[in-house]
Amino acid sequence: MRKRHKKVRNGVVALTICIAGGLGVCGQRVHALTKDIDYQISVEQLAVDEKKEKLAQMEQQLQDMDSLEYIKEAASELGMVEKDTIVIKERE
């Protein structure tokens, strides 16, 4: 009877060790996956932040384009002048 109990106890101990080892391996995999996911989240968050900044710049540029000052500057670059403005060109 003692031999049987000893075999059962040894079997339970071996099974417990196998389960603990399996859980340890699974825990390491979960930890590695968690680190991977955290890294991917940080990379994607940086991309989102860059796009938000670009959007803010474009919105500001759009607002600037509606200003009279911007329109005058663009017209001047294109060689346009305001009504009733006299243009004098130098001879080459």
Protein backbone atom coordinates (compact mmCIF):
# COMPACT_ATOMS: atom_id res chain seq x y z
CA MET A 1 0.00 0.00 0.00
CA ARG A 2 2.86 2.36 0.76
CA LYS A 3 4.35 1.77 -2.65
CA ARG A 4 1.06 2.70 -4.27
CA HIS A 5 0.81 5.93 -2.25
CA LYS A 6 4.40 6.72 -3.09
CA LYS A 7 3.74 6.20 -6.81
CA VAL A 8 0.61 8.36 -6.65
CA ARG A 9 2.46 11.06 -4.72
CA ASN A 10 5.36 10.95 -7.20
CA GLY A 11 2.88 11.14 -10.07
CA VAL A 12 1.11 14.14 -8.50
CA VAL A 13 4.44 15.87 -7.90
CA ALA A 14 5.53 15.22 -11.50
CA LEU A 15 2.19 16.46 -12.83
CA THR A 16 2.40 19.56 -10.64
CA ILE A 17 5.91 20.29 -11.89
CA CYS A 18 4.78 19.87 -15.51
CA ILE A 19 1.81 22.18 -14.99
CA ALA A 20 3.95 24.79 -13.21
CA GLY A 21 6.54 24.62 -16.00
CA GLY A 22 3.83 24.98 -18.64
CA LEU A 23 2.35 27.95 -16.83
CA GLY A 24 5.80 29.51 -16.58
CA VAL A 25 6.35 29.16 -20.33
CA CYS A 26 2.87 30.53 -21.08
CA GLY A 27 3.51 33.42 -18.69
CA GLN A 28 6.73 34.30 -20.52
CA ARG A 29 4.91 34.22 -23.87
CA VAL A 30 2.15 36.44 -22.52
CA HIS A 31 4.74 38.86 -21.15
CA ALA A 32 6.56 38.99 -24.50
CA LEU A 33 3.29 39.55 -26.37
CA THR A 34 2.31 42.29 -23.94
CA LYS A 35 5.63 44.07 -24.50
CA ASP A 36 5.16 43.73 -28.27
CA ILE A 37 1.65 45.16 -28.12
CA ASP A 38 2.76 48.03 -25.87
CA TYR A 39 5.52 48.89 -28.37
CA GLN A 40 3.07 48.80 -31.28
CA ILE A 41 0.66 51.03 -29.36
CA SER A 42 3.41 53.59 -28.69
CA VAL A 43 4.46 53.59 -32.36
CA GLU A 44 0.86 54.06 -33.49
CA GLN A 45 0.33 56.80 -30.89
CA LEU A 46 3.34 58.68 -32.28
CA ALA A 47 1.87 58.40 -35.77
CA VAL A 48 -1.49 59.70 -34.51
CA ASP A 49 0.22 62.62 -32.74
CA GLU A 50 2.14 63.52 -35.92
CA LYS A 51 -1.05 63.43 -37.97
CA LYS A 52 -2.86 65.61 -35.40
CA GLU A 53 -0.02 68.14 -35.58
CA LYS A 54 -0.12 68.10 -39.40
CA LEU A 55 -3.90 68.58 -39.30
CA ALA A 56 -3.54 71.55 -36.93
CA GLN A 57 -0.96 73.11 -39.27
CA MET A 58 -3.21 72.61 -42.27
CA GLU A 59 -6.21 74.10 -40.43
CA GLN A 60 -4.10 77.13 -39.52
CA GLN A 61 -2.93 77.43 -43.12
CA LEU A 62 -6.55 77.29 -44.28
CA GLN A 63 -7.49 80.06 -41.86
CA ASP A 64 -4.52 82.13 -43.03
CA MET A 65 -5.59 81.69 -46.66
CA ASP A 66 -8.92 83.34 -45.84
CA SER A 67 -7.23 86.49 -44.53
CA LEU A 68 -6.97 89.64 -46.63
CA GLU A 69 -3.26 89.85 -45.87
CA TYR A 70 -2.61 86.41 -47.41
CA ILE A 71 -4.69 87.24 -50.47
CA LYS A 72 -2.77 90.50 -51.01
CA GLU A 73 0.56 88.70 -50.64
CA ALA A 74 -0.44 85.97 -53.11
CA ALA A 75 -1.71 88.55 -55.60
CA SER A 76 1.54 90.50 -55.31
CA GLU A 77 3.58 87.33 -56.00
CA LEU A 78 1.48 86.73 -59.10
CA GLY A 79 2.10 90.28 -60.32
CA MET A 80 -1.42 91.46 -59.64
CA VAL A 81 -2.17 94.85 -58.17
CA GLU A 82 -5.12 96.46 -56.43
CA LYS A 83 -7.63 98.56 -58.33
CA ASP A 84 -6.51 102.16 -58.85
CA THR A 85 -2.83 101.27 -58.35
CA ILE A 86 -0.37 102.70 -60.80
CA VAL A 87 2.40 100.34 -61.87
CA ILE A 88 5.69 101.75 -63.11
CA LYS A 89 8.07 99.33 -64.77
CA GLU A 90 11.76 100.00 -65.16
CA ARG A 91 13.37 99.67 -68.56
CA GLU A 92 15.73 96.79 -68.91
